[in-house]
């Protein structure tokens, strides 16, 4: 009797891996958020700051406007499409720098608290609870009153609004990893606490940090837009998306496009970032994978 050899399925090639990518959110992020942020000067049809009163309040091209202003103009005749494209850079800068501040601060405190325990862990967790209970808008109002509305104040608000999420998650994982065999062997070998934390434990929580940072992009964008809408974010005439929505709130019944298209850009970007974060969580977290 001839035995049939057991064959194993071939490992997926680059095409199969590419097909498994979340194409819809990636395409939306590239076209609405990332490419406009870096190439707005090249692809924007008009100067986003230059008013043109002869073209004020023109509707979008599909509603009786012209291709010269495809998404219409605002009350000063500024091109809506150009302002959205240039606004992507400020949204990207605020969200990325703010998240970076939250990652560095929260990860560092979470690593030390989860490894050292004791009074420092208790102090960090009290600060985490206070940060999560304190509304970000209240912090933004206090900063705006203290140092004025600026790019720096928005970055600080975003960073301090997000650091607690990273600290809490990293601390929980470090508390599990500190009881692992490789940590015990490193301690027996005479490794310093700093080496154990940043050489052995940190690489094991990096995937969690990446996934959590991706999921916080939507929160950072919404926070930036909310602050700009209320007038305590990046000041005028910077065309941030929240400020563009605010500019059209008095014209929403007649000239709806002034607020609609910036709001649509916020919606698509936040939704796509969340979808990409969910996909990364399934790929990078073994506990989320289906067996």
Protein backbone atom coordinates (compact mmCIF):
# COMPACT_ATOMS: atom_id res chain seq x y z
CA UNK A 1 0.00 0.00 0.00
CA UNK A 2 1.44 3.34 -1.06
CA UNK A 3 1.13 6.07 1.52
CA UNK A 4 -0.03 9.44 0.32
CA UNK A 5 2.43 12.11 1.44
CA UNK A 6 1.07 14.83 3.66
CA UNK A 7 1.30 18.17 1.96
CA UNK A 8 1.25 21.50 3.66
CA UNK A 9 -0.38 24.56 2.09
CA UNK A 10 2.09 26.95 0.59
CA UNK A 11 2.78 30.03 2.60
CA UNK A 12 0.89 33.05 1.28
CA UNK A 13 2.85 35.15 -1.16
CA UNK A 14 2.96 38.91 -1.43
CA UNK A 15 -0.25 39.01 -3.48
CA UNK A 16 -2.24 37.08 -0.88
CA UNK A 17 -0.82 39.31 1.84
CA UNK A 18 -1.69 42.42 -0.15
CA UNK A 19 -5.24 41.19 -0.66
CA UNK A 20 -5.63 40.77 3.10
CA UNK A 21 -4.85 44.45 3.72
CA UNK A 22 -7.75 46.74 4.67
CA UNK A 23 -7.73 48.57 1.35
CA UNK A 24 -10.73 50.82 1.98
CA UNK A 25 -9.42 52.60 5.12
CA UNK A 26 -5.88 52.76 3.72
CA UNK A 27 -7.07 54.39 0.49
CA UNK A 28 -9.25 56.85 2.40
CA UNK A 29 -6.41 57.80 4.76
CA UNK A 30 -4.02 58.28 1.85
CA UNK A 31 -6.38 60.39 -0.26
CA UNK A 32 -8.02 62.45 2.49
CA UNK A 33 -5.36 62.68 5.19
CA UNK A 34 -1.76 61.67 4.43
CA UNK A 35 -1.16 62.75 0.81
CA UNK A 36 -2.89 66.14 1.27
CA UNK A 37 -0.85 66.73 4.44
CA UNK A 38 2.47 66.41 2.62
CA UNK A 39 1.61 67.62 -0.89
CA UNK A 40 -1.08 70.24 -0.32
CA UNK A 41 1.03 72.98 -1.92
CA UNK A 42 1.25 70.92 -5.11
CA UNK A 43 -2.33 69.66 -5.43
CA UNK A 44 -4.35 72.53 -3.95
CA UNK A 45 -5.91 74.56 -6.79
CA UNK A 46 -5.92 77.89 -4.87
CA UNK A 47 -4.25 79.75 -2.06
CA UNK A 48 -6.18 78.72 1.09
CA UNK A 49 -5.67 82.12 2.71
CA UNK A 50 -6.42 84.44 -0.24
CA UNK A 51 -9.97 85.89 -0.23
CA UNK A 52 -11.87 86.54 -3.44
CA UNK A 53 -15.07 88.43 -2.75
CA UNK A 54 -16.17 88.09 -6.38
CA UNK A 55 -16.41 84.31 -5.86
CA UNK A 56 -17.88 84.24 -2.36
CA UNK A 57 -20.40 81.54 -1.40
CA UNK A 58 -20.18 79.65 -4.68
CA UNK A 59 -21.83 76.20 -4.44
CA UNK A 60 -20.03 72.93 -5.28
CA UNK A 61 -19.74 71.93 -8.91
CA UNK A 62 -22.50 69.30 -8.61
CA UNK A 63 -24.91 71.91 -7.28
CA UNK A 64 -24.47 74.63 -9.87
CA UNK A 65 -20.89 75.71 -9.21
CA UNK A 66 -17.82 75.56 -11.41
CA UNK A 67 -14.81 73.24 -11.56
CA UNK A 68 -12.60 76.14 -10.57
CA UNK A 69 -14.05 75.72 -7.06
CA UNK A 70 -15.11 72.08 -7.06
CA UNK A 71 -16.28 72.06 -3.42
CA UNK A 72 -17.47 75.66 -3.36
CA UNK A 73 -16.19 78.73 -1.51
CA UNK A 74 -16.78 80.30 1.90
CA UNK A 75 -18.09 83.75 2.82
CA UNK A 76 -14.75 85.36 1.89
CA UNK A 77 -14.45 83.52 -1.43
CA UNK A 78 -11.73 81.14 -0.24
CA UNK A 79 -11.67 77.75 -1.91
CA UNK A 80 -13.05 75.02 0.38
CA UNK A 81 -11.06 72.21 -1.26
CA UNK A 82 -7.76 74.07 -0.89
CA UNK A 83 -8.46 74.84 2.77
CA UNK A 84 -9.30 71.19 3.50
CA UNK A 85 -6.10 70.00 1.81
CA UNK A 86 -3.91 72.44 3.73
CA UNK A 87 -5.78 71.76 6.96
CA UNK A 88 -4.79 68.10 6.76
CA UNK A 89 -1.19 69.04 7.60
CA UNK A 90 -2.14 70.71 10.89
CA UNK A 91 -4.46 67.85 11.83
CA UNK A 92 -1.69 65.34 11.09
CA UNK A 93 0.93 67.31 13.01
CA UNK A 94 -1.25 67.79 16.08
CA UNK A 95 -2.41 64.17 16.21
CA UNK A 96 1.04 62.64 15.59
CA UNK A 97 2.97 64.89 17.99
CA UNK A 98 0.24 64.70 20.62
CA UNK A 99 0.10 60.90 20.40
CA UNK A 100 3.91 60.74 20.55
CA UNK A 101 3.84 62.76 23.78
CA UNK A 102 1.21 60.43 25.19
CA UNK A 103 3.14 57.32 24.11
CA UNK A 104 6.46 58.44 25.62
CA UNK A 105 4.97 59.67 28.89
CA UNK A 106 2.43 56.88 29.34
CA UNK A 107 4.76 54.05 28.30
CA UNK A 108 7.58 55.21 30.56
CA UNK A 109 5.35 55.56 33.60
CA UNK A 110 3.53 52.30 32.84
CA UNK A 111 6.78 50.36 32.51
CA UNK A 112 8.19 51.64 35.79
CA UNK A 113 4.91 51.32 37.70
CA UNK A 114 4.22 47.78 36.53
CA UNK A 115 7.78 46.63 37.26
CA UNK A 116 8.57 48.48 40.49
CA UNK A 117 5.11 48.28 42.09
CA UNK A 118 4.89 49.77 45.58
CA UNK A 119 4.22 53.43 46.26
CA UNK A 120 5.22 54.56 42.75
CA UNK A 121 2.64 52.24 41.17
CA UNK A 122 -0.02 53.60 43.50
CA UNK A 123 0.91 57.20 42.65
CA UNK A 124 0.86 56.57 38.89
CA UNK A 125 -2.51 54.85 39.06
CA UNK A 126 -3.97 57.74 41.05
CA UNK A 127 -2.73 60.12 38.36
CA UNK A 128 -4.19 57.85 35.68
CA UNK A 129 -7.59 57.88 37.39
CA UNK A 130 -7.49 61.65 37.75
CA UNK A 131 -6.48 62.09 34.09
CA UNK A 132 -9.26 59.82 32.86
CA UNK A 133 -11.82 61.60 35.03
CA UNK A 134 -10.70 65.12 34.03
CA UNK A 135 -12.46 66.33 30.86
CA UNK A 136 -10.01 67.28 28.12
CA UNK A 137 -12.04 70.40 27.36
CA UNK A 138 -11.53 71.65 30.90
CA UNK A 139 -7.78 71.22 30.53
CA UNK A 140 -7.92 72.99 27.16
CA UNK A 141 -9.80 75.95 28.64
CA UNK A 142 -7.26 76.23 31.46
CA UNK A 143 -4.33 76.12 29.03
CA UNK A 144 -5.97 78.61 26.68
CA UNK A 145 -6.42 81.01 29.61
CA UNK A 146 -2.85 80.44 30.83
CA UNK A 147 -0.76 80.41 27.64
CA UNK A 148 -3.29 81.31 24.96
CA UNK A 149 -4.73 79.29 22.09
CA UNK A 150 -1.85 77.92 20.02
CA UNK A 151 -0.45 74.85 18.30
CA UNK A 152 1.56 74.02 21.42
CA UNK A 153 -1.45 74.16 23.73
CA UNK A 154 -3.40 71.76 21.49
CA UNK A 155 -0.47 69.31 21.40
CA UNK A 156 -0.20 69.45 25.20
CA UNK A 157 -3.93 68.83 25.59
CA UNK A 158 -3.86 65.84 23.22
CA UNK A 159 -0.77 64.37 24.90
CA UNK A 160 -2.13 64.72 28.42
CA UNK A 161 -5.54 63.44 27.34
CA UNK A 162 -4.05 60.21 25.93
CA UNK A 163 -1.07 59.31 28.16
CA UNK A 164 -3.25 57.59 30.77
CA UNK A 165 -4.51 55.01 28.26
CA UNK A 166 -0.96 53.95 27.44
CA UNK A 167 0.15 53.95 31.08
CA UNK A 168 -2.74 51.76 32.19
CA UNK A 169 -2.38 49.22 29.36
CA UNK A 170 1.42 49.00 29.53
CA UNK A 171 1.34 48.63 33.32
CA UNK A 172 -1.11 45.73 33.07
CA UNK A 173 1.09 43.86 30.59
CA UNK A 174 4.31 44.56 32.47
CA UNK A 175 2.77 43.09 35.63
CA UNK A 176 2.31 39.82 33.72
CA UNK A 177 5.70 39.88 32.01
CA UNK A 178 7.68 40.58 35.21
CA UNK A 179 6.77 37.07 36.41
CA UNK A 180 8.05 35.46 33.20
CA UNK A 181 11.02 33.10 33.13
CA UNK A 182 13.13 35.34 30.88
CA UNK A 183 12.84 38.18 33.41
CA UNK A 184 13.89 35.87 36.23
CA UNK A 185 16.86 34.63 34.22
CA UNK A 186 17.90 38.20 33.46
CA UNK A 187 17.77 39.07 37.15
CA UNK A 188 19.86 36.03 38.04
CA UNK A 189 22.38 37.01 35.34
CA UNK A 190 22.83 40.36 37.06
CA UNK A 191 21.07 42.61 34.51
CA UNK A 192 20.11 46.04 35.77
CA UNK A 193 16.47 47.00 36.15
CA UNK A 194 16.77 49.52 33.32
CA UNK A 195 18.19 46.87 30.99
CA UNK A 196 15.42 44.43 31.88
CA UNK A 197 12.75 47.07 31.29
CA UNK A 198 13.96 48.54 28.02
CA UNK A 199 15.82 45.55 26.52
CA UNK A 200 13.54 42.66 27.45
CA UNK A 201 10.10 43.88 28.56
CA UNK A 202 9.57 46.89 26.25
CA UNK A 203 9.90 44.86 22.99
CA UNK A 204 7.16 42.55 24.28
CA UNK A 205 4.68 45.40 24.70
CA UNK A 206 5.60 47.25 21.50
CA UNK A 207 2.79 45.64 19.48
CA UNK A 208 0.26 46.77 22.07
CA UNK A 209 1.63 50.31 22.00
CA UNK A 210 1.44 50.44 18.17
CA UNK A 211 -2.15 49.19 18.11
CA UNK A 212 -3.25 51.53 20.89
CA UNK A 213 -1.53 54.50 19.21
CA UNK A 214 -3.37 53.77 15.96
CA UNK A 215 -6.69 53.58 17.78
CA UNK A 216 -5.98 56.95 19.43
CA UNK A 217 -5.60 58.75 16.08
CA UNK A 218 -9.36 59.18 15.80
CA UNK A 219 -9.59 60.54 19.35
CA UNK A 220 -6.75 63.00 18.69
CA UNK A 221 -8.38 64.27 15.50
CA UNK A 222 -11.76 64.69 17.16
CA UNK A 223 -10.18 66.49 20.10
CA UNK A 224 -8.26 68.86 17.81
CA UNK A 225 -11.39 69.54 15.75
CA UNK A 226 -13.47 70.18 18.87
CA UNK A 227 -10.94 72.63 20.29
CA UNK A 228 -10.69 74.51 16.98
CA UNK A 229 -14.48 74.57 16.65
CA UNK A 230 -14.78 76.20 20.08
CA UNK A 231 -12.05 78.72 19.25
CA UNK A 232 -9.51 77.45 21.82
CA UNK A 233 -7.38 75.45 19.40
CA UNK A 234 -5.00 76.61 16.71
CA UNK A 235 -5.98 80.26 16.08
CA UNK A 236 -7.08 81.83 12.82
CA UNK A 237 -6.31 82.08 9.95
CA UNK A 238 -4.89 78.54 10.08
CA UNK A 239 -7.34 76.33 8.13
CA UNK A 240 -7.78 73.48 10.61
CA UNK A 241 -10.73 71.19 9.95
CA UNK A 242 -12.54 72.11 13.14
CA UNK A 243 -12.21 75.80 12.33
CA UNK A 244 -13.58 75.19 8.83
CA UNK A 245 -16.65 73.51 10.32
CA UNK A 246 -17.04 76.43 12.71
CA UNK A 247 -16.84 78.97 9.86
CA UNK A 248 -19.93 77.51 8.24
CA UNK A 249 -22.19 77.02 11.25
CA UNK A 250 -23.96 80.35 10.67
CA UNK A 251 -24.62 79.39 7.02
CA UNK A 252 -25.67 75.77 7.52
CA UNK A 253 -29.23 76.35 6.33
CA UNK A 254 -28.24 78.04 3.06
CA UNK A 255 -24.55 77.48 2.29
CA UNK A 256 -24.21 74.01 3.83
CA UNK A 257 -21.05 73.02 1.92
CA UNK A 258 -18.83 75.28 4.06
CA UNK A 259 -19.24 72.95 7.04
CA UNK A 260 -20.27 69.75 5.28
CA UNK A 261 -17.05 68.90 3.42
CA UNK A 262 -14.64 69.57 6.32
CA UNK A 263 -16.96 67.54 8.54
CA UNK A 264 -16.96 64.75 5.96
CA UNK A 265 -13.15 64.76 5.94
CA UNK A 266 -13.13 64.41 9.74
CA UNK A 267 -15.67 61.58 9.59
CA UNK A 268 -13.84 59.60 6.91
CA UNK A 269 -10.44 60.02 8.56
CA UNK A 270 -11.59 59.02 12.05
CA UNK A 271 -13.59 56.07 10.74
CA UNK A 272 -10.69 54.83 8.60
CA UNK A 273 -8.16 55.21 11.42
CA UNK A 274 -10.38 53.17 13.73
CA UNK A 275 -10.83 50.46 11.08
CA UNK A 276 -7.08 50.30 10.53
CA UNK A 277 -6.50 50.11 14.28
CA UNK A 278 -8.92 47.20 14.59
CA UNK A 279 -7.12 45.39 11.76
CA UNK A 280 -3.74 45.94 13.40
CA UNK A 281 -5.09 44.64 16.70
CA UNK A 282 -6.21 41.43 15.02
CA UNK A 283 -2.85 41.03 13.28
CA UNK A 284 -0.48 41.99 16.08
CA UNK A 285 -2.30 40.62 19.12
CA UNK A 286 -2.19 36.79 19.17
CA UNK A 287 -5.16 36.70 21.54
CA UNK A 288 -7.34 38.31 18.87
CA UNK A 289 -6.48 35.82 16.13
CA UNK A 290 -8.91 33.10 15.21
CA UNK A 291 -7.45 29.61 15.50
